[in-house]
Amino acid sequence: MARTAKSKPRATKKWSAAASRHSDALDLEGGIFKSRDPGKIAQSLKRSAERSKRRKASPFQSAMSMLNFFINRAGRNLPASRKRVLARAKDELRRLYDRE
């Protein structure tokens, strides 16, 4: 008779949420990704990236990486309207760093 492997109980917290809160490169403003203003999101990410002493890449790369991380992982289940705001925040971040 074959035995079935018991699955581990699932953790209630997502690893991606913890990564956003405890980033090794950036100290993010609390609840910044909940903002509906793309300019405010971009400004906050820029400010966090430029103040950070722990980042390994340029401020632009660090800020864009955190925003992309949130969009791809932590924000995977967001409605289309929120994804549009975050996509506009990417455009705004590029504009702030003259990377258009």
C-alpha atoms as a PDB file:
ATOM      1  CA  MET A   1       0.000   0.000   0.000  1.00  0.00           C
ATOM      2  CA  ALA A   2       1.478   3.370  -1.030  1.00  0.00           C
ATOM      3  CA  ARG A   3       1.822   6.131   1.527  1.00  0.00           C
ATOM      4  CA  THR A   4       0.967   9.675   0.618  1.00  0.00           C
ATOM      5  CA  ALA A   5       3.224  12.433   1.803  1.00  0.00           C
ATOM      6  CA  LYS A   6       1.646  14.871   4.175  1.00  0.00           C
ATOM      7  CA  SER A   7       1.901  18.430   3.012  1.00  0.00           C
ATOM      8  CA  LYS A   8       3.213  21.096   5.328  1.00  0.00           C
ATOM      9  CA  PRO A   9       0.689  23.569   6.642  1.00  0.00           C
ATOM     10  CA  ARG A  10       0.808  26.758   4.627  1.00  0.00           C
ATOM     11  CA  ALA A  11       2.190  29.890   6.213  1.00  0.00           C
ATOM     12  CA  THR A  12      -0.392  32.624   6.550  1.00  0.00           C
ATOM     13  CA  LYS A  13       2.074  35.380   5.676  1.00  0.00           C
ATOM     14  CA  LYS A  14       3.521  35.839   2.206  1.00  0.00           C
ATOM     15  CA  TRP A  15       7.297  35.994   1.756  1.00  0.00           C
ATOM     16  CA  SER A  16       6.859  38.837  -0.719  1.00  0.00           C
ATOM     17  CA  ALA A  17       5.159  41.030   1.870  1.00  0.00           C
ATOM     18  CA  ALA A  18       8.030  40.465   4.270  1.00  0.00           C
ATOM     19  CA  ALA A  19      10.529  41.299   1.519  1.00  0.00           C
ATOM     20  CA  SER A  20       8.764  44.598   0.868  1.00  0.00           C
ATOM     21  CA  ARG A  21       8.750  45.491   4.564  1.00  0.00           C
ATOM     22  CA  HIS A  22      12.280  44.372   5.362  1.00  0.00           C
ATOM     23  CA  SER A  23      14.145  45.212   2.171  1.00  0.00           C
ATOM     24  CA  ASP A  24      17.882  45.096   2.587  1.00  0.00           C
ATOM     25  CA  ALA A  25      18.357  47.955   0.163  1.00  0.00           C
ATOM     26  CA  LEU A  26      15.554  50.419   0.867  1.00  0.00           C
ATOM     27  CA  ASP A  27      13.626  51.650   3.886  1.00  0.00           C
ATOM     28  CA  LEU A  28      10.221  52.261   2.346  1.00  0.00           C
ATOM     29  CA  GLU A  29       7.613  54.681   3.585  1.00  0.00           C
ATOM     30  CA  GLY A  30       4.773  52.722   5.157  1.00  0.00           C
ATOM     31  CA  GLY A  31       1.849  52.020   2.832  1.00  0.00           C
ATOM     32  CA  ILE A  32       3.451  53.785  -0.119  1.00  0.00           C
ATOM     33  CA  PHE A  33       2.192  51.242  -2.643  1.00  0.00           C
ATOM     34  CA  LYS A  34      -1.388  51.895  -1.501  1.00  0.00           C
ATOM     35  CA  SER A  35      -1.231  55.476  -2.745  1.00  0.00           C
ATOM     36  CA  ARG A  36      -3.337  56.373  -5.780  1.00  0.00           C
ATOM     37  CA  ASP A  37      -0.879  59.097  -6.838  1.00  0.00           C
ATOM     38  CA  PRO A  38       1.902  57.789  -9.142  1.00  0.00           C
ATOM     39  CA  GLY A  39       3.981  60.923  -8.494  1.00  0.00           C
ATOM     40  CA  LYS A  40       3.876  60.371  -4.742  1.00  0.00           C
ATOM     41  CA  ILE A  41       4.926  56.720  -5.163  1.00  0.00           C
ATOM     42  CA  ALA A  42       7.825  57.678  -7.443  1.00  0.00           C
ATOM     43  CA  GLN A  43       8.991  60.514  -5.158  1.00  0.00           C
ATOM     44  CA  SER A  44       8.929  58.236  -2.122  1.00  0.00           C
ATOM     45  CA  LEU A  45      10.899  55.496  -3.884  1.00  0.00           C
ATOM     46  CA  LYS A  46      13.438  58.030  -5.121  1.00  0.00           C
ATOM     47  CA  ARG A  47      13.835  59.520  -1.635  1.00  0.00           C
ATOM     48  CA  SER A  48      14.262  56.047  -0.080  1.00  0.00           C
ATOM     49  CA  ALA A  49      16.791  54.952  -2.701  1.00  0.00           C
ATOM     50  CA  GLU A  50      18.891  58.093  -2.380  1.00  0.00           C
ATOM     51  CA  ARG A  51      18.967  57.939   1.427  1.00  0.00           C
ATOM     52  CA  SER A  52      19.890  54.264   1.565  1.00  0.00           C
ATOM     53  CA  LYS A  53      23.441  53.352   2.525  1.00  0.00           C
ATOM     54  CA  ARG A  54      22.860  49.609   2.032  1.00  0.00           C
ATOM     55  CA  ARG A  55      21.921  49.479  -1.637  1.00  0.00           C
ATOM     56  CA  LYS A  56      24.299  47.808  -4.060  1.00  0.00           C
ATOM     57  CA  ALA A  57      23.077  49.408  -7.296  1.00  0.00           C
ATOM     58  CA  SER A  58      22.346  52.978  -8.360  1.00  0.00           C
ATOM     59  CA  PRO A  59      19.409  54.772  -6.718  1.00  0.00           C
ATOM     60  CA  PHE A  60      17.397  54.508  -9.952  1.00  0.00           C
ATOM     61  CA  GLN A  61      17.989  50.749 -10.237  1.00  0.00           C
ATOM     62  CA  SER A  62      17.112  50.158  -6.602  1.00  0.00           C
ATOM     63  CA  ALA A  63      13.902  52.185  -6.771  1.00  0.00           C
ATOM     64  CA  MET A  64      12.785  50.622 -10.055  1.00  0.00           C
ATOM     65  CA  SER A  65      13.627  47.131  -8.791  1.00  0.00           C
ATOM     66  CA  MET A  66      11.479  47.565  -5.690  1.00  0.00           C
ATOM     67  CA  LEU A  67       8.578  48.888  -7.761  1.00  0.00           C
ATOM     68  CA  ASN A  68       8.881  46.007 -10.238  1.00  0.00           C
ATOM     69  CA  PHE A  69       9.131  43.526  -7.383  1.00  0.00           C
ATOM     70  CA  PHE A  70       5.897  44.829  -5.900  1.00  0.00           C
ATOM     71  CA  ILE A  71       4.100  44.751  -9.251  1.00  0.00           C
ATOM     72  CA  ASN A  72       5.304  41.235 -10.102  1.00  0.00           C
ATOM     73  CA  ARG A  73       5.040  39.528  -6.720  1.00  0.00           C
ATOM     74  CA  ALA A  74       3.413  41.406  -3.880  1.00  0.00           C
ATOM     75  CA  GLY A  75       0.861  43.064  -6.138  1.00  0.00           C
ATOM     76  CA  ARG A  76       0.099  40.042  -8.276  1.00  0.00           C
ATOM     77  CA  ASN A  77      -3.583  40.036  -7.335  1.00  0.00           C
ATOM     78  CA  LEU A  78      -4.175  43.759  -7.689  1.00  0.00           C
ATOM     79  CA  PRO A  79      -7.021  45.054  -9.838  1.00  0.00           C
ATOM     80  CA  ALA A  80      -6.195  46.562 -13.227  1.00  0.00           C
ATOM     81  CA  SER A  81      -6.762  50.119 -11.945  1.00  0.00           C
ATOM     82  CA  ARG A  82      -4.033  49.712  -9.291  1.00  0.00           C
ATOM     83  CA  LYS A  83      -1.660  48.155 -11.827  1.00  0.00           C
ATOM     84  CA  ARG A  84      -2.189  51.186 -14.090  1.00  0.00           C
ATOM     85  CA  VAL A  85      -1.282  53.536 -11.213  1.00  0.00           C
ATOM     86  CA  LEU A  86       1.876  51.523 -10.528  1.00  0.00           C
ATOM     87  CA  ALA A  87       2.799  51.489 -14.235  1.00  0.00           C
ATOM     88  CA  ARG A  88       2.433  55.280 -14.277  1.00  0.00           C
ATOM     89  CA  ALA A  89       4.659  55.427 -11.192  1.00  0.00           C
ATOM     90  CA  LYS A  90       7.358  53.624 -13.220  1.00  0.00           C
ATOM     91  CA  ASP A  91       7.057  56.264 -15.936  1.00  0.00           C
ATOM     92  CA  GLU A  92       7.243  59.007 -13.304  1.00  0.00           C
ATOM     93  CA  LEU A  93      10.312  57.416 -11.725  1.00  0.00           C
ATOM     94  CA  ARG A  94      12.030  57.351 -15.122  1.00  0.00           C
ATOM     95  CA  ARG A  95      11.147  61.030 -15.582  1.00  0.00           C
ATOM     96  CA  LEU A  96      12.541  61.944 -12.142  1.00  0.00           C
ATOM     97  CA  TYR A  97      15.853  60.324 -13.046  1.00  0.00           C
ATOM     98  CA  ASP A  98      15.890  61.707 -16.624  1.00  0.00           C
ATOM     99  CA  ARG A  99      15.729  58.194 -18.062  1.00  0.00           C
ATOM    100  CA  GLU A 100      12.825  58.721 -20.449  1.00  0.00           C
END
